[in-house]
Amino acid sequence: MKKRFTKEGLEKIKKELRHLEKEKRKEVADKLKFAASFGDLSENSAYEDAKNEQSMLETRIAKLRETIKEAEIIESSNGEEEFVQIGSEIEVETGDGTRKVLEIVGGNDSDPMKGKVSCESPMGKVFLDKKEGEFCTVSTPAGEKEFKIIRIN
């Protein structure tokens, strides 16, 4: 299944992978070498900890590689979007008149504190394929919230 990213989001994943492969691997290898120098490996907790760290590191590297392999870049449109889609920046108004600007992003690019809403989240799913002027109801832990889409960029 393809994983959707903005160009910036995918670059962030690639940067993490480069860091893990070049720097973190060397750091863990040094820990293993140092711990092995203590002798008997069967009762060496430092060696066991380093082996566990190495295993987790290799698992993360494999996951990042798979993510990159399955990545699909979300292209921005020419700014004249008719419907909300991944990559859209929307201005919404809540029931109390508060306005917010949100960007609908791929699941891996989500950052709610910066207004980046995952297309896979309940809120993101509700906005997808809606037009300006439409009302959307989102179920939240605090109850139902209604939003009106004011503008789509």
N, C-alpha and C. Protein backbone atom coordinates (compact mmCIF):
# COMPACT_ATOMS: atom_id res chain seq x y z
N MET A 1 0.84 -1.18 0.00
CA MET A 1 0.00 0.00 0.00
C MET A 1 0.88 1.25 0.00
N LYS A 2 0.62 2.16 -0.89
CA LYS A 2 1.40 3.39 -1.00
C LYS A 2 1.20 4.25 0.25
N LYS A 3 2.28 4.89 0.67
CA LYS A 3 2.22 5.82 1.79
C LYS A 3 2.40 7.20 1.20
N ARG A 4 1.54 8.11 1.57
CA ARG A 4 1.54 9.45 0.97
C ARG A 4 2.32 10.43 1.81
N PHE A 5 3.16 11.21 1.12
CA PHE A 5 4.00 12.21 1.77
C PHE A 5 4.01 13.48 0.95
N THR A 6 4.22 14.58 1.63
CA THR A 6 4.60 15.79 0.92
C THR A 6 6.09 15.60 0.61
N LYS A 7 6.62 16.42 -0.27
CA LYS A 7 8.03 16.34 -0.62
C LYS A 7 8.89 16.54 0.64
N GLU A 8 8.49 17.50 1.47
CA GLU A 8 9.24 17.79 2.70
C GLU A 8 9.16 16.62 3.68
N GLY A 9 8.01 16.00 3.78
CA GLY A 9 7.84 14.87 4.70
C GLY A 9 8.71 13.68 4.31
N LEU A 10 8.79 13.40 3.02
CA LEU A 10 9.62 12.30 2.55
C LEU A 10 11.09 12.62 2.78
N GLU A 11 11.47 13.85 2.56
CA GLU A 11 12.87 14.24 2.79
C GLU A 11 13.24 14.06 4.26
N LYS A 12 12.32 14.33 5.15
CA LYS A 12 12.55 14.14 6.59
C LYS A 12 12.83 12.66 6.90
N ILE A 13 12.08 11.77 6.28
CA ILE A 13 12.27 10.33 6.47
C ILE A 13 13.64 9.91 5.91
N LYS A 14 13.99 10.41 4.74
CA LYS A 14 15.28 10.07 4.13
C LYS A 14 16.44 10.57 4.99
N LYS A 15 16.28 11.75 5.57
CA LYS A 15 17.31 12.32 6.44
C LYS A 15 17.51 11.44 7.67
N GLU A 16 16.42 10.99 8.26
CA GLU A 16 16.52 10.10 9.42
C GLU A 16 17.23 8.80 9.04
N LEU A 17 16.89 8.24 7.89
CA LEU A 17 17.52 7.01 7.44
C LEU A 17 19.03 7.21 7.27
N ARG A 18 19.43 8.30 6.63
CA ARG A 18 20.85 8.57 6.44
C ARG A 18 21.58 8.66 7.79
N HIS A 19 20.95 9.34 8.73
CA HIS A 19 21.55 9.49 10.07
C HIS A 19 21.72 8.12 10.73
N LEU A 20 20.69 7.30 10.68
CA LEU A 20 20.76 5.99 11.32
C LEU A 20 21.81 5.10 10.66
N GLU A 21 21.86 5.12 9.33
CA GLU A 21 22.79 4.26 8.61
C GLU A 21 24.25 4.70 8.79
N LYS A 22 24.49 5.99 8.82
CA LYS A 22 25.88 6.46 8.85
C LYS A 22 26.40 6.70 10.26
N GLU A 23 25.61 7.34 11.09
CA GLU A 23 26.10 7.73 12.40
C GLU A 23 25.70 6.76 13.51
N LYS A 24 24.43 6.44 13.57
CA LYS A 24 23.93 5.61 14.67
C LYS A 24 24.49 4.19 14.60
N ARG A 25 24.60 3.63 13.38
CA ARG A 25 25.16 2.29 13.24
C ARG A 25 26.59 2.24 13.80
N LYS A 26 27.38 3.23 13.49
CA LYS A 26 28.76 3.27 13.97
C LYS A 26 28.78 3.37 15.50
N GLU A 27 27.92 4.21 16.04
CA GLU A 27 27.82 4.38 17.49
C GLU A 27 27.48 3.05 18.17
N VAL A 28 26.51 2.33 17.63
CA VAL A 28 26.10 1.05 18.22
C VAL A 28 27.21 0.00 18.06
N ALA A 29 27.88 0.00 16.91
CA ALA A 29 28.99 -0.94 16.69
C ALA A 29 30.10 -0.69 17.70
N ASP A 30 30.38 0.58 17.98
CA ASP A 30 31.39 0.92 18.98
C ASP A 30 30.98 0.42 20.37
N LYS A 31 29.69 0.56 20.70
CA LYS A 31 29.19 0.06 21.99
C LYS A 31 29.35 -1.45 22.08
N LEU A 32 29.04 -2.15 20.99
CA LEU A 32 29.18 -3.61 20.97
C LEU A 32 30.64 -4.02 21.17
N LYS A 33 31.51 -3.37 20.46
CA LYS A 33 32.94 -3.68 20.55
C LYS A 33 33.46 -3.45 21.97
N PHE A 34 33.07 -2.33 22.56
CA PHE A 34 33.49 -2.00 23.92
C PHE A 34 32.95 -3.03 24.91
N ALA A 35 31.65 -3.35 24.79
CA ALA A 35 31.04 -4.30 25.72
C ALA A 35 31.66 -5.69 25.56
N ALA A 36 32.01 -6.08 24.33
CA ALA A 36 32.61 -7.39 24.10
C ALA A 36 34.00 -7.48 24.72
N SER A 37 34.63 -6.34 24.88
CA SER A 37 35.98 -6.33 25.46
C SER A 37 35.99 -6.73 26.94
N PHE A 38 34.81 -6.77 27.57
CA PHE A 38 34.72 -7.15 28.99
C PHE A 38 34.88 -8.65 29.19
N GLY A 39 34.82 -9.40 28.09
CA GLY A 39 35.04 -10.85 28.23
C GLY A 39 33.75 -11.64 28.08
N ASP A 40 33.51 -12.56 29.00
CA ASP A 40 32.40 -13.53 28.95
C ASP A 40 31.09 -12.86 28.52
N LEU A 41 30.63 -13.20 27.31
CA LEU A 41 29.43 -12.57 26.76
C LEU A 41 28.15 -13.14 27.34
N SER A 42 28.20 -14.35 27.92
CA SER A 42 26.98 -14.98 28.44
C SER A 42 26.41 -14.23 29.64
N GLU A 43 27.23 -13.53 30.39
CA GLU A 43 26.74 -12.79 31.56
C GLU A 43 27.09 -11.31 31.47
N ASN A 44 27.17 -10.81 30.25
CA ASN A 44 27.59 -9.44 30.02
C ASN A 44 26.35 -8.60 29.65
N SER A 45 25.79 -7.88 30.63
CA SER A 45 24.57 -7.11 30.38
C SER A 45 24.81 -5.93 29.43
N ALA A 46 25.98 -5.35 29.46
CA ALA A 46 26.29 -4.24 28.54
C ALA A 46 26.27 -4.73 27.10
N TYR A 47 26.80 -5.93 26.88
CA TYR A 47 26.80 -6.52 25.53
C TYR A 47 25.36 -6.83 25.10
N GLU A 48 24.59 -7.39 26.02
CA GLU A 48 23.19 -7.72 25.72
C GLU A 48 22.39 -6.46 25.39
N ASP A 49 22.61 -5.39 26.14
CA ASP A 49 21.94 -4.11 25.87
C ASP A 49 22.33 -3.56 24.50
N ALA A 50 23.60 -3.64 24.17
CA ALA A 50 24.06 -3.15 22.87
C ALA A 50 23.48 -3.98 21.73
N LYS A 51 23.38 -5.30 21.93
CA LYS A 51 22.78 -6.17 20.90
C LYS A 51 21.30 -5.81 20.71
N ASN A 52 20.59 -5.55 21.80
CA ASN A 52 19.19 -5.15 21.71
C ASN A 52 19.05 -3.81 20.98
N GLU A 53 19.93 -2.88 21.30
CA GLU A 53 19.90 -1.57 20.63
C GLU A 53 20.17 -1.74 19.13
N GLN A 54 21.12 -2.61 18.81
CA GLN A 54 21.43 -2.87 17.40
C GLN A 54 20.22 -3.48 16.69
N SER A 55 19.54 -4.39 17.33
CA SER A 55 18.36 -5.02 16.74
C SER A 55 17.25 -3.99 16.48
N MET A 56 17.00 -3.12 17.45
CA MET A 56 15.98 -2.09 17.28
C MET A 56 16.37 -1.11 16.18
N LEU A 57 17.66 -0.78 16.11
CA LEU A 57 18.15 0.13 15.08
C LEU A 57 17.94 -0.48 13.69
N GLU A 58 18.31 -1.74 13.52
CA GLU A 58 18.16 -2.39 12.21
C GLU A 58 16.68 -2.53 11.83
N THR A 59 15.83 -2.75 12.82
CA THR A 59 14.39 -2.81 12.55
C THR A 59 13.88 -1.46 12.06
N ARG A 60 14.32 -0.39 12.69
CA ARG A 60 13.90 0.97 12.28
C ARG A 60 14.43 1.30 10.88
N ILE A 61 15.67 0.93 10.60
CA ILE A 61 16.24 1.17 9.27
C ILE A 61 15.43 0.43 8.21
N ALA A 62 15.10 -0.83 8.48
CA ALA A 62 14.31 -1.62 7.51
C ALA A 62 12.94 -0.99 7.30
N LYS A 63 12.34 -0.51 8.38
CA LYS A 63 11.02 0.12 8.26
C LYS A 63 11.09 1.40 7.43
N LEU A 64 12.10 2.22 7.67
CA LEU A 64 12.26 3.46 6.91
C LEU A 64 12.51 3.17 5.43
N ARG A 65 13.33 2.16 5.15
CA ARG A 65 13.58 1.79 3.75
C ARG A 65 12.29 1.36 3.06
N GLU A 66 11.50 0.58 3.75
CA GLU A 66 10.22 0.12 3.19
C GLU A 66 9.28 1.30 2.97
N THR A 67 9.24 2.21 3.91
CA THR A 67 8.41 3.40 3.79
C THR A 67 8.80 4.21 2.57
N ILE A 68 10.11 4.41 2.39
CA ILE A 68 10.60 5.17 1.23
C ILE A 68 10.27 4.45 -0.07
N LYS A 69 10.42 3.15 -0.05
CA LYS A 69 10.14 2.35 -1.25
C LYS A 69 8.67 2.47 -1.66
N GLU A 70 7.78 2.56 -0.67
CA GLU A 70 6.35 2.62 -0.94
C GLU A 70 5.82 4.05 -0.99
N ALA A 71 6.69 5.03 -0.90
CA ALA A 71 6.26 6.42 -0.80
C ALA A 71 5.68 6.95 -2.11
N GLU A 72 4.69 7.77 -1.94
CA GLU A 72 4.06 8.48 -3.07
C GLU A 72 4.06 9.95 -2.69
N ILE A 73 4.64 10.77 -3.56
CA ILE A 73 4.71 12.21 -3.30
C ILE A 73 3.36 12.85 -3.65
N ILE A 74 2.88 13.67 -2.76
CA ILE A 74 1.65 14.42 -2.99
C ILE A 74 2.04 15.72 -3.67
N GLU A 75 1.56 15.92 -4.85
CA GLU A 75 1.87 17.14 -5.60
C GLU A 75 0.83 18.21 -5.28
N SER A 76 1.29 19.41 -5.11
CA SER A 76 0.37 20.53 -4.92
C SER A 76 -0.23 20.89 -6.27
N SER A 77 -1.44 21.36 -6.24
CA SER A 77 -2.08 21.77 -7.49
C SER A 77 -1.75 23.22 -7.78
N ASN A 78 -2.41 23.79 -8.75
CA ASN A 78 -2.13 25.17 -9.16
C ASN A 78 -2.81 26.21 -8.27
N GLY A 79 -3.37 25.78 -7.16
CA GLY A 79 -3.99 26.73 -6.25
C GLY A 79 -5.46 26.99 -6.52
N GLU A 80 -6.01 26.32 -7.50
CA GLU A 80 -7.42 26.50 -7.82
C GLU A 80 -8.17 25.19 -7.62
N GLU A 81 -8.09 24.69 -6.42
CA GLU A 81 -8.73 23.42 -6.10
C GLU A 81 -10.22 23.62 -5.88
N GLU A 82 -10.97 22.70 -6.41
CA GLU A 82 -12.42 22.74 -6.23
C GLU A 82 -12.82 21.93 -5.01
N PHE A 83 -12.08 20.84 -4.75
CA PHE A 83 -12.36 19.96 -3.64
C PHE A 83 -11.14 19.86 -2.73
N VAL A 84 -11.38 19.61 -1.45
CA VAL A 84 -10.29 19.38 -0.52
C VAL A 84 -9.63 18.05 -0.86
N GLN A 85 -8.31 18.09 -0.97
CA GLN A 85 -7.56 16.87 -1.24
C GLN A 85 -6.27 16.91 -0.43
N ILE A 86 -5.51 15.84 -0.48
CA ILE A 86 -4.24 15.82 0.22
C ILE A 86 -3.36 16.90 -0.39
N GLY A 87 -2.79 17.71 0.46
CA GLY A 87 -1.97 18.83 0.01
C GLY A 87 -2.73 20.15 0.05
N SER A 88 -4.04 20.09 0.22
CA SER A 88 -4.84 21.32 0.29
C SER A 88 -4.61 22.04 1.60
N GLU A 89 -4.58 23.36 1.51
CA GLU A 89 -4.60 24.20 2.70
C GLU A 89 -6.01 24.77 2.75
N ILE A 90 -6.67 24.59 3.87
CA ILE A 90 -8.06 25.06 3.98
C ILE A 90 -8.21 25.99 5.17
N GLU A 91 -9.13 26.92 5.01
CA GLU A 91 -9.51 27.77 6.13
C GLU A 91 -10.89 27.31 6.54
N VAL A 92 -11.04 27.00 7.82
CA VAL A 92 -12.33 26.53 8.32
C VAL A 92 -12.80 27.45 9.44
N GLU A 93 -14.12 27.43 9.64
CA GLU A 93 -14.71 28.21 10.72
C GLU A 93 -15.48 27.25 11.61
N THR A 94 -15.24 27.36 12.91
CA THR A 94 -15.94 26.50 13.87
C THR A 94 -17.29 27.10 14.19
N GLY A 95 -18.09 26.34 14.90
CA GLY A 95 -19.43 26.79 15.27
C GLY A 95 -19.45 28.08 16.06
N ASP A 96 -18.36 28.36 16.80
CA ASP A 96 -18.33 29.60 17.60
C ASP A 96 -17.71 30.77 16.83
N GLY A 97 -17.44 30.58 15.53
CA GLY A 97 -16.92 31.65 14.70
C GLY A 97 -15.40 31.73 14.61
N THR A 98 -14.71 30.85 15.34
CA THR A 98 -13.25 30.83 15.29
C THR A 98 -12.79 30.29 13.94
N ARG A 99 -11.79 30.93 13.37
CA ARG A 99 -11.26 30.47 12.09
C ARG A 99 -9.88 29.86 12.31
N LYS A 100 -9.62 28.79 11.55
CA LYS A 100 -8.33 28.10 11.60
C LYS A 100 -7.90 27.78 10.19
N VAL A 101 -6.59 27.77 9.98
CA VAL A 101 -6.04 27.31 8.70
C VAL A 101 -5.41 25.96 8.94
N LEU A 102 -5.81 24.99 8.14
CA LEU A 102 -5.31 23.62 8.27
C LEU A 102 -4.75 23.16 6.93
N GLU A 103 -3.78 22.28 7.00
CA GLU A 103 -3.25 21.67 5.78
C GLU A 103 -3.54 20.17 5.88
N ILE A 104 -4.12 19.61 4.84
CA ILE A 104 -4.41 18.18 4.81
C ILE A 104 -3.17 17.50 4.23
N VAL A 105 -2.56 16.62 5.03
CA VAL A 105 -1.30 15.99 4.65
C VAL A 105 -1.41 14.47 4.71
N GLY A 106 -0.41 13.80 4.15
CA GLY A 106 -0.33 12.34 4.27
C GLY A 106 -0.16 11.97 5.73
N GLY A 107 -0.52 10.76 6.07
CA GLY A 107 -0.49 10.32 7.46
C GLY A 107 0.83 10.49 8.16
N ASN A 108 1.91 10.35 7.41
CA ASN A 108 3.23 10.44 8.01
C ASN A 108 3.72 11.87 8.20
N ASP A 109 3.02 12.83 7.64
CA ASP A 109 3.42 14.24 7.74
C ASP A 109 2.64 14.99 8.82
N SER A 110 1.76 14.32 9.50
CA SER A 110 0.87 14.94 10.47
C SER A 110 1.63 15.68 11.57
N ASP A 111 1.15 16.88 11.89
CA ASP A 111 1.69 17.67 12.99
C ASP A 111 0.59 18.63 13.45
N PRO A 112 -0.32 18.14 14.29
CA PRO A 112 -1.48 18.94 14.69
C PRO A 112 -1.13 20.30 15.29
N MET A 113 0.01 20.41 15.96
CA MET A 113 0.40 21.68 16.58
C MET A 113 0.71 22.74 15.51
N LYS A 114 1.03 22.29 14.30
CA LYS A 114 1.32 23.22 13.20
C LYS A 114 0.17 23.27 12.20
N GLY A 115 -0.97 22.69 12.56
CA GLY A 115 -2.14 22.74 11.69
C GLY A 115 -2.08 21.74 10.55
N LYS A 116 -1.20 20.74 10.64
CA LYS A 116 -1.09 19.72 9.59
C LYS A 116 -1.92 18.51 10.03
N VAL A 117 -3.04 18.30 9.33
CA VAL A 117 -4.00 17.27 9.70
C VAL A 117 -3.83 16.07 8.77
N SER A 118 -3.66 14.90 9.34
CA SER A 118 -3.50 13.69 8.54
C SER A 118 -4.78 13.36 7.78
N CYS A 119 -4.62 12.97 6.52
CA CYS A 119 -5.77 12.55 5.72
C CYS A 119 -6.37 11.26 6.25
N GLU A 120 -5.63 10.56 7.12
CA GLU A 120 -6.09 9.31 7.69
C GLU A 120 -6.80 9.50 9.03
N SER A 121 -6.73 10.71 9.57
CA SER A 121 -7.37 10.99 10.86
C SER A 121 -8.87 11.20 10.65
N PRO A 122 -9.67 11.06 11.71
CA PRO A 122 -11.11 11.31 11.55
C PRO A 122 -11.40 12.69 10.97
N MET A 123 -10.66 13.72 11.42
CA MET A 123 -10.89 15.07 10.92
C MET A 123 -10.50 15.17 9.46
N GLY A 124 -9.33 14.65 9.11
CA GLY A 124 -8.87 14.70 7.73
C GLY A 124 -9.82 13.99 6.78
N LYS A 125 -10.30 12.84 7.19
CA LYS A 125 -11.24 12.07 6.35
C LYS A 125 -12.52 12.85 6.08
N VAL A 126 -12.99 13.57 7.08
CA VAL A 126 -14.23 14.34 6.93
C VAL A 126 -14.08 15.47 5.91
N PHE A 127 -12.90 16.10 5.89
CA PHE A 127 -12.70 17.23 4.97
C PHE A 127 -12.46 16.82 3.53
N LEU A 128 -11.89 15.64 3.31
CA LEU A 128 -11.55 15.22 1.95
C LEU A 128 -12.77 15.24 1.03
N ASP A 129 -12.55 15.73 -0.18
CA ASP A 129 -13.57 15.78 -1.24
C ASP A 129 -14.71 16.75 -0.98
N LYS A 130 -14.56 17.63 0.01
CA LYS A 130 -15.58 18.64 0.28
C LYS A 130 -15.24 19.91 -0.50
N LYS A 131 -16.27 20.76 -0.74
CA LYS A 131 -16.11 22.02 -1.45
C LYS A 131 -16.18 23.19 -0.48
N GLU A 132 -15.75 24.36 -0.97
CA GLU A 132 -15.91 25.58 -0.19
C GLU A 132 -17.38 25.77 0.14
N GLY A 133 -17.64 26.23 1.35
CA GLY A 133 -19.01 26.48 1.78
C GLY A 133 -19.68 25.28 2.43
N GLU A 134 -19.12 24.09 2.27
CA GLU A 134 -19.73 22.90 2.87
C GLU A 134 -19.45 22.85 4.36
N PHE A 135 -20.37 22.22 5.07
CA PHE A 135 -20.23 21.99 6.51
C PHE A 135 -19.78 20.55 6.73
N CYS A 136 -18.92 20.36 7.71
CA CYS A 136 -18.42 19.04 8.05
C CYS A 136 -18.56 18.85 9.55
N THR A 137 -18.99 17.68 9.95
CA THR A 137 -19.11 17.37 11.36
C THR A 137 -18.05 16.33 11.71
N VAL A 138 -17.24 16.65 12.73
CA VAL A 138 -16.16 15.78 13.15
C VAL A 138 -16.45 15.29 14.56
N SER A 139 -16.32 13.98 14.75
CA SER A 139 -16.47 13.41 16.09
C SER A 139 -15.15 13.54 16.82
N THR A 140 -15.17 14.17 17.98
CA THR A 140 -13.96 14.33 18.79
C THR A 140 -14.25 13.75 20.17
N PRO A 141 -13.21 13.55 20.98
CA PRO A 141 -13.45 13.05 22.34
C PRO A 141 -14.36 13.97 23.14
N ALA A 142 -14.37 15.27 22.79
CA ALA A 142 -15.21 16.23 23.50
C ALA A 142 -16.61 16.32 22.90
N GLY A 143 -16.88 15.51 21.89
CA GLY A 143 -18.20 15.53 21.24
C GLY A 143 -18.09 15.96 19.79
N GLU A 144 -19.24 16.17 19.18
CA GLU A 144 -19.29 16.54 17.77
C GLU A 144 -18.91 18.02 17.60
N LYS A 145 -18.09 18.29 16.57
CA LYS A 145 -17.71 19.66 16.24
C LYS A 145 -18.05 19.90 14.79
N GLU A 146 -18.64 21.07 14.53
CA GLU A 146 -19.00 21.39 13.15
C GLU A 146 -18.04 22.45 12.61
N PHE A 147 -17.63 22.26 11.37
CA PHE A 147 -16.75 23.18 10.69
C PHE A 147 -17.37 23.56 9.35
N LYS A 148 -17.14 24.79 8.95
CA LYS A 148 -17.52 25.24 7.61
C LYS A 148 -16.24 25.52 6.85
N ILE A 149 -16.14 24.99 5.65
CA ILE A 149 -14.95 25.25 4.83
C ILE A 149 -15.12 26.61 4.17
N ILE A 150 -14.27 27.54 4.54
CA ILE A 150 -14.33 28.92 4.04
C ILE A 150 -13.56 29.07 2.74
N ARG A 151 -12.36 28.48 2.71
CA ARG A 151 -11.49 28.66 1.55
C ARG A 151 -10.62 27.41 1.36
N ILE A 152 -10.36 27.07 0.10
CA ILE A 152 -9.46 25.95 -0.24
C ILE A 152 -8.32 26.52 -1.08
N ASN A 153 -7.12 26.26 -0.69
CA ASN A 153 -5.92 26.63 -1.48
C ASN A 153 -5.21 25.37 -1.89
